[in-house]
Amino acid sequence: MLVLSRKIDESIMIGGNIEVVVLGVEGDNVKIGIRAPKDIEILRKELYANIQSSNREAVSSLKSLNDVVLLLKQNRNK
């Protein structure tokens, strides 16, 4: 992990097209701004993790649904 120190209104660049700017510091909270192309999805980590978990559950349910469909087809052919 790269660790950098920045002051308010200072920024870092990521990949030449993403800029992360320190907008303010209030106690333990750091307010940042992110300038990035519109096609770059930006999510808080906890939201990203929640989406990933939901996607895994959906795939698991889909596999189960496919198993049910297969069983129904097998029973229909008997």
C-alpha atoms as a PDB file:
ATOM      1  CA  MET A   1       0.000   0.000   0.000  1.00  0.00           C
ATOM      2  CA  LEU A   2       1.282   3.422  -0.925  1.00  0.00           C
ATOM      3  CA  VAL A   3       0.870   5.918   1.927  1.00  0.00           C
ATOM      4  CA  LEU A   4       0.940   9.639   1.126  1.00  0.00           C
ATOM      5  CA  SER A   5       0.493  12.782   3.173  1.00  0.00           C
ATOM      6  CA  ARG A   6      -1.562  15.559   1.617  1.00  0.00           C
ATOM      7  CA  LYS A   7      -2.848  18.880   2.886  1.00  0.00           C
ATOM      8  CA  ILE A   8      -6.214  20.472   2.127  1.00  0.00           C
ATOM      9  CA  ASP A   9      -6.519  21.332  -1.590  1.00  0.00           C
ATOM     10  CA  GLU A  10      -3.612  19.024  -2.477  1.00  0.00           C
ATOM     11  CA  SER A  11      -4.227  16.013  -4.675  1.00  0.00           C
ATOM     12  CA  ILE A  12      -2.836  12.794  -6.082  1.00  0.00           C
ATOM     13  CA  MET A  13      -3.179  11.451  -9.606  1.00  0.00           C
ATOM     14  CA  ILE A  14      -4.002   7.847 -10.431  1.00  0.00           C
ATOM     15  CA  GLY A  15      -3.277   6.598 -13.913  1.00  0.00           C
ATOM     16  CA  GLY A  16      -3.151  10.079 -15.406  1.00  0.00           C
ATOM     17  CA  ASN A  17      -6.937  10.498 -15.560  1.00  0.00           C
ATOM     18  CA  ILE A  18      -8.124  10.167 -11.956  1.00  0.00           C
ATOM     19  CA  GLU A  19      -7.473  12.932  -9.434  1.00  0.00           C
ATOM     20  CA  VAL A  20      -8.154  12.545  -5.710  1.00  0.00           C
ATOM     21  CA  VAL A  21      -8.303  15.886  -3.884  1.00  0.00           C
ATOM     22  CA  VAL A  22      -8.307  16.468  -0.116  1.00  0.00           C
ATOM     23  CA  LEU A  23     -11.192  18.890   0.442  1.00  0.00           C
ATOM     24  CA  GLY A  24     -11.156  19.060   4.210  1.00  0.00           C
ATOM     25  CA  VAL A  25     -10.432  17.398   7.515  1.00  0.00           C
ATOM     26  CA  GLU A  26     -12.959  17.389  10.363  1.00  0.00           C
ATOM     27  CA  GLY A  27     -11.820  15.391  13.383  1.00  0.00           C
ATOM     28  CA  ASP A  28     -11.331  11.786  12.251  1.00  0.00           C
ATOM     29  CA  ASN A  29     -13.069  12.398   8.914  1.00  0.00           C
ATOM     30  CA  VAL A  30     -11.304  13.328   5.717  1.00  0.00           C
ATOM     31  CA  LYS A  31     -13.457  14.737   2.936  1.00  0.00           C
ATOM     32  CA  ILE A  32     -12.125  13.875  -0.522  1.00  0.00           C
ATOM     33  CA  GLY A  33     -13.184  14.722  -4.026  1.00  0.00           C
ATOM     34  CA  ILE A  34     -12.569  12.468  -7.007  1.00  0.00           C
ATOM     35  CA  ARG A  35     -12.304  13.664 -10.596  1.00  0.00           C
ATOM     36  CA  ALA A  36     -12.523  10.758 -13.016  1.00  0.00           C
ATOM     37  CA  PRO A  37     -13.955   9.947 -16.437  1.00  0.00           C
ATOM     38  CA  LYS A  38     -17.684   9.214 -16.346  1.00  0.00           C
ATOM     39  CA  ASP A  39     -17.100   5.609 -17.417  1.00  0.00           C
ATOM     40  CA  ILE A  40     -15.103   4.917 -14.227  1.00  0.00           C
ATOM     41  CA  GLU A  41     -17.355   3.547 -11.496  1.00  0.00           C
ATOM     42  CA  ILE A  42     -16.496   4.943  -8.059  1.00  0.00           C
ATOM     43  CA  LEU A  43     -17.948   3.236  -4.974  1.00  0.00           C
ATOM     44  CA  ARG A  44     -17.279   3.296  -1.247  1.00  0.00           C
ATOM     45  CA  LYS A  45     -15.562   0.049  -0.258  1.00  0.00           C
ATOM     46  CA  GLU A  46     -18.424  -1.122   1.987  1.00  0.00           C
ATOM     47  CA  LEU A  47     -20.928  -0.596  -0.848  1.00  0.00           C
ATOM     48  CA  TYR A  48     -18.646  -2.424  -3.294  1.00  0.00           C
ATOM     49  CA  ALA A  49     -18.356  -5.362  -0.860  1.00  0.00           C
ATOM     50  CA  ASN A  50     -22.143  -5.441  -0.443  1.00  0.00           C
ATOM     51  CA  ILE A  51     -22.654  -5.555  -4.218  1.00  0.00           C
ATOM     52  CA  GLN A  52     -20.090  -8.339  -4.580  1.00  0.00           C
ATOM     53  CA  SER A  53     -21.825 -10.361  -1.852  1.00  0.00           C
ATOM     54  CA  SER A  54     -25.219  -9.863  -3.509  1.00  0.00           C
ATOM     55  CA  ASN A  55     -23.775 -10.944  -6.853  1.00  0.00           C
ATOM     56  CA  ARG A  56     -22.332 -14.127  -5.313  1.00  0.00           C
ATOM     57  CA  GLU A  57     -25.726 -14.916  -3.735  1.00  0.00           C
ATOM     58  CA  ALA A  58     -27.485 -14.328  -7.054  1.00  0.00           C
ATOM     59  CA  VAL A  59     -25.109 -16.670  -8.885  1.00  0.00           C
ATOM     60  CA  SER A  60     -25.585 -19.295  -6.174  1.00  0.00           C
ATOM     61  CA  SER A  61     -29.372 -18.989  -6.511  1.00  0.00           C
ATOM     62  CA  LEU A  62     -29.087 -19.213 -10.280  1.00  0.00           C
ATOM     63  CA  LYS A  63     -27.147 -22.464  -9.986  1.00  0.00           C
ATOM     64  CA  SER A  64     -29.851 -23.840  -7.697  1.00  0.00           C
ATOM     65  CA  LEU A  65     -32.554 -22.691 -10.108  1.00  0.00           C
ATOM     66  CA  ASN A  66     -30.736 -24.366 -12.992  1.00  0.00           C
ATOM     67  CA  ASP A  67     -30.634 -27.596 -10.953  1.00  0.00           C
ATOM     68  CA  VAL A  68     -34.409 -27.398 -10.425  1.00  0.00           C
ATOM     69  CA  VAL A  69     -35.018 -26.791 -14.141  1.00  0.00           C
ATOM     70  CA  LEU A  70     -32.814 -29.776 -14.998  1.00  0.00           C
ATOM     71  CA  LEU A  71     -34.716 -32.016 -12.559  1.00  0.00           C
ATOM     72  CA  LEU A  72     -38.052 -30.870 -13.989  1.00  0.00           C
ATOM     73  CA  LYS A  73     -36.877 -31.661 -17.514  1.00  0.00           C
ATOM     74  CA  GLN A  74     -35.649 -35.090 -16.425  1.00  0.00           C
ATOM     75  CA  ASN A  75     -38.991 -35.856 -14.727  1.00  0.00           C
ATOM     76  CA  ARG A  76     -40.921 -34.684 -17.797  1.00  0.00           C
ATOM     77  CA  ASN A  77     -38.989 -37.098 -20.010  1.00  0.00           C
ATOM     78  CA  LYS A  78     -39.851 -40.118 -17.834  1.00  0.00           C
END
